Amino acid sequence: MLLRKDGKGRYMEVALSDAAAFLALPRTWGLTQPGAAVGGGHAGYRIYPCQDGRVAVAALEPHFAKSLCAAAGVPYANILTMLSPATHQAIANYLQTMTRPALEALATDKDIPLCTLPK
């Protein structure tokens, strides 16, 4: 059921194969290859160690990436900032200093999509 602006809905059938194909587009486009954007190349989309575990960061969208960079003290110019090895290192260094509870508070306070994980 999709709602239109007038508040009325409509029924749509979508084949599961079509939905799966849509969700697989990043893989189809090569974005999941090692070093590509969602294959570790984007500093805002990877798993980093923290003081008491690990943190999975999913700050791909520019507004999330800017928030992550601001928290880590990294100047954000554009997407190329997030592909820089220096940005990867700065964010890794910053996150390594934090505990899981501190990271969860940061996520809430600064609107950064992340999930902490035990060691």
C-alpha atoms as a PDB file:
ATOM      1  CA  MET A   1       0.000   0.000   0.000  1.00  0.00           C
ATOM      2  CA  LEU A   2       1.442   3.371  -0.985  1.00  0.00           C
ATOM      3  CA  LEU A   3      -0.047   6.594   0.314  1.00  0.00           C
ATOM      4  CA  ARG A   4      -0.502   9.485  -2.038  1.00  0.00           C
ATOM      5  CA  LYS A   5      -0.499  13.108  -0.929  1.00  0.00           C
ATOM      6  CA  ASP A   6      -4.300  13.076  -0.829  1.00  0.00           C
ATOM      7  CA  GLY A   7      -4.149  10.351   1.840  1.00  0.00           C
ATOM      8  CA  LYS A   8      -5.606   7.639  -0.339  1.00  0.00           C
ATOM      9  CA  GLY A   9      -3.653   4.493  -0.939  1.00  0.00           C
ATOM     10  CA  ARG A  10      -3.264   2.166  -3.820  1.00  0.00           C
ATOM     11  CA  TYR A  11      -2.289  -1.454  -4.128  1.00  0.00           C
ATOM     12  CA  MET A  12       0.841  -2.428  -6.021  1.00  0.00           C
ATOM     13  CA  GLU A  13       2.233  -5.866  -6.638  1.00  0.00           C
ATOM     14  CA  VAL A  14       6.004  -6.036  -6.892  1.00  0.00           C
ATOM     15  CA  ALA A  15       7.763  -9.249  -7.773  1.00  0.00           C
ATOM     16  CA  LEU A  16      10.246 -10.357  -5.157  1.00  0.00           C
ATOM     17  CA  SER A  17      12.794 -10.836  -7.945  1.00  0.00           C
ATOM     18  CA  ASP A  18      12.391  -7.159  -8.949  1.00  0.00           C
ATOM     19  CA  ALA A  19      12.906  -6.038  -5.355  1.00  0.00           C
ATOM     20  CA  ALA A  20      15.978  -8.279  -5.024  1.00  0.00           C
ATOM     21  CA  ALA A  21      17.415  -6.983  -8.298  1.00  0.00           C
ATOM     22  CA  PHE A  22      16.988  -3.402  -7.084  1.00  0.00           C
ATOM     23  CA  LEU A  23      18.723  -4.177  -3.792  1.00  0.00           C
ATOM     24  CA  ALA A  24      21.552  -5.894  -5.671  1.00  0.00           C
ATOM     25  CA  LEU A  25      22.385  -2.848  -7.807  1.00  0.00           C
ATOM     26  CA  PRO A  26      25.402  -1.808  -5.688  1.00  0.00           C
ATOM     27  CA  ARG A  27      26.911  -5.243  -6.353  1.00  0.00           C
ATOM     28  CA  THR A  28      25.956  -5.081 -10.039  1.00  0.00           C
ATOM     29  CA  TRP A  29      27.648  -1.689 -10.352  1.00  0.00           C
ATOM     30  CA  GLY A  30      30.833  -2.954  -8.644  1.00  0.00           C
ATOM     31  CA  LEU A  31      30.411  -0.833  -5.511  1.00  0.00           C
ATOM     32  CA  THR A  32      30.948  -3.803  -3.194  1.00  0.00           C
ATOM     33  CA  GLN A  33      34.341  -4.781  -4.615  1.00  0.00           C
ATOM     34  CA  PRO A  34      37.293  -4.410  -2.213  1.00  0.00           C
ATOM     35  CA  GLY A  35      38.248  -0.734  -2.103  1.00  0.00           C
ATOM     36  CA  ALA A  36      35.033   0.451  -3.787  1.00  0.00           C
ATOM     37  CA  ALA A  37      32.593   2.712  -1.922  1.00  0.00           C
ATOM     38  CA  VAL A  38      30.768   0.007   0.038  1.00  0.00           C
ATOM     39  CA  GLY A  39      33.684  -2.405  -0.094  1.00  0.00           C
ATOM     40  CA  GLY A  40      35.790  -0.423   2.370  1.00  0.00           C
ATOM     41  CA  GLY A  41      36.783   2.511   0.163  1.00  0.00           C
ATOM     42  CA  HIS A  42      34.421   5.021   1.799  1.00  0.00           C
ATOM     43  CA  ALA A  43      35.650   5.992   5.267  1.00  0.00           C
ATOM     44  CA  GLY A  44      32.070   6.344   6.462  1.00  0.00           C
ATOM     45  CA  TYR A  45      31.055   2.791   5.570  1.00  0.00           C
ATOM     46  CA  ARG A  46      33.098   0.196   7.381  1.00  0.00           C
ATOM     47  CA  ILE A  47      33.803  -1.471  10.701  1.00  0.00           C
ATOM     48  CA  TYR A  48      36.391   0.097  13.001  1.00  0.00           C
ATOM     49  CA  PRO A  49      37.810  -0.990  16.357  1.00  0.00           C
ATOM     50  CA  CYS A  50      36.886   1.040  19.426  1.00  0.00           C
ATOM     51  CA  GLN A  51      38.115   0.806  23.033  1.00  0.00           C
ATOM     52  CA  ASP A  52      35.783  -1.983  24.089  1.00  0.00           C
ATOM     53  CA  GLY A  53      34.660  -3.559  20.838  1.00  0.00           C
ATOM     54  CA  ARG A  54      33.923  -2.538  17.283  1.00  0.00           C
ATOM     55  CA  VAL A  55      31.726   0.019  15.593  1.00  0.00           C
ATOM     56  CA  ALA A  56      29.978  -0.432  12.246  1.00  0.00           C
ATOM     57  CA  VAL A  57      29.590   2.976  10.612  1.00  0.00           C
ATOM     58  CA  ALA A  58      27.124   3.596   7.759  1.00  0.00           C
ATOM     59  CA  ALA A  59      27.629   7.299   7.023  1.00  0.00           C
ATOM     60  CA  LEU A  60      27.427   7.132   3.225  1.00  0.00           C
ATOM     61  CA  GLU A  61      25.065  10.046   2.624  1.00  0.00           C
ATOM     62  CA  PRO A  62      26.809  13.443   2.621  1.00  0.00           C
ATOM     63  CA  HIS A  63      24.972  14.811   5.675  1.00  0.00           C
ATOM     64  CA  PHE A  64      25.972  11.748   7.708  1.00  0.00           C
ATOM     65  CA  ALA A  65      29.549  11.850   6.382  1.00  0.00           C
ATOM     66  CA  LYS A  66      29.805  15.537   7.352  1.00  0.00           C
ATOM     67  CA  SER A  67      28.615  14.748  10.877  1.00  0.00           C
ATOM     68  CA  LEU A  68      31.129  11.912  11.204  1.00  0.00           C
ATOM     69  CA  CYS A  69      33.966  14.080   9.916  1.00  0.00           C
ATOM     70  CA  ALA A  70      33.014  16.959  12.218  1.00  0.00           C
ATOM     71  CA  ALA A  71      33.048  14.616  15.219  1.00  0.00           C
ATOM     72  CA  ALA A  72      36.455  13.235  14.203  1.00  0.00           C
ATOM     73  CA  GLY A  73      37.877  16.701  13.446  1.00  0.00           C
ATOM     74  CA  VAL A  74      38.254  16.027   9.719  1.00  0.00           C
ATOM     75  CA  PRO A  75      37.437  18.856   7.287  1.00  0.00           C
ATOM     76  CA  TYR A  76      34.770  17.619   4.857  1.00  0.00           C
ATOM     77  CA  ALA A  77      34.843  19.071   1.331  1.00  0.00           C
ATOM     78  CA  ASN A  78      33.002  16.471  -0.765  1.00  0.00           C
ATOM     79  CA  ILE A  79      32.767  12.733  -1.401  1.00  0.00           C
ATOM     80  CA  LEU A  80      36.467  12.616  -2.247  1.00  0.00           C
ATOM     81  CA  THR A  81      37.176  13.461   1.391  1.00  0.00           C
ATOM     82  CA  MET A  82      35.664  10.123   2.376  1.00  0.00           C
ATOM     83  CA  LEU A  83      37.794   8.192  -0.118  1.00  0.00           C
ATOM     84  CA  SER A  84      41.067   9.620   1.178  1.00  0.00           C
ATOM     85  CA  PRO A  85      43.428   7.346   3.137  1.00  0.00           C
ATOM     86  CA  ALA A  86      44.067  10.271   5.501  1.00  0.00           C
ATOM     87  CA  THR A  87      40.341  10.462   6.307  1.00  0.00           C
ATOM     88  CA  HIS A  88      40.227   6.706   6.912  1.00  0.00           C
ATOM     89  CA  GLN A  89      43.132   6.995   9.338  1.00  0.00           C
ATOM     90  CA  ALA A  90      41.763  10.065  11.141  1.00  0.00           C
ATOM     91  CA  ILE A  91      38.356   8.458  11.658  1.00  0.00           C
ATOM     92  CA  ALA A  92      39.949   5.175  12.751  1.00  0.00           C
ATOM     93  CA  ASN A  93      42.131   7.040  15.259  1.00  0.00           C
ATOM     94  CA  TYR A  94      39.144   8.964  16.609  1.00  0.00           C
ATOM     95  CA  LEU A  95      36.875   5.929  16.974  1.00  0.00           C
ATOM     96  CA  GLN A  96      39.654   3.923  18.635  1.00  0.00           C
ATOM     97  CA  THR A  97      39.594   6.412  21.539  1.00  0.00           C
ATOM     98  CA  MET A  98      35.881   5.891  22.225  1.00  0.00           C
ATOM     99  CA  THR A  99      33.882   3.330  24.179  1.00  0.00           C
ATOM    100  CA  ARG A 100      30.705   1.706  22.912  1.00  0.00           C
ATOM    101  CA  PRO A 101      28.431   3.763  25.217  1.00  0.00           C
ATOM    102  CA  ALA A 102      30.190   6.971  24.152  1.00  0.00           C
ATOM    103  CA  LEU A 103      29.742   6.029  20.488  1.00  0.00           C
ATOM    104  CA  GLU A 104      26.061   5.277  20.986  1.00  0.00           C
ATOM    105  CA  ALA A 105      25.635   8.699  22.617  1.00  0.00           C
ATOM    106  CA  LEU A 106      27.543  10.293  19.726  1.00  0.00           C
ATOM    107  CA  ALA A 107      25.236   8.575  17.239  1.00  0.00           C
ATOM    108  CA  THR A 108      22.189  10.018  18.959  1.00  0.00           C
ATOM    109  CA  ASP A 109      23.626  13.478  19.578  1.00  0.00           C
ATOM    110  CA  LYS A 110      25.189  14.008  16.135  1.00  0.00           C
ATOM    111  CA  ASP A 111      22.863  11.886  13.971  1.00  0.00           C
ATOM    112  CA  ILE A 112      25.555   9.460  12.830  1.00  0.00           C
ATOM    113  CA  PRO A 113      24.370   6.004  11.726  1.00  0.00           C
ATOM    114  CA  LEU A 114      26.456   3.454  13.571  1.00  0.00           C
ATOM    115  CA  CYS A 115      26.085   0.261  15.536  1.00  0.00           C
ATOM    116  CA  THR A 116      28.477  -0.835  18.237  1.00  0.00           C
ATOM    117  CA  LEU A 117      29.513  -4.469  18.512  1.00  0.00           C
ATOM    118  CA  PRO A 118      31.308  -6.450  21.216  1.00  0.00           C
ATOM    119  CA  LYS A 119      34.828  -7.715  20.586  1.00  0.00           C
END
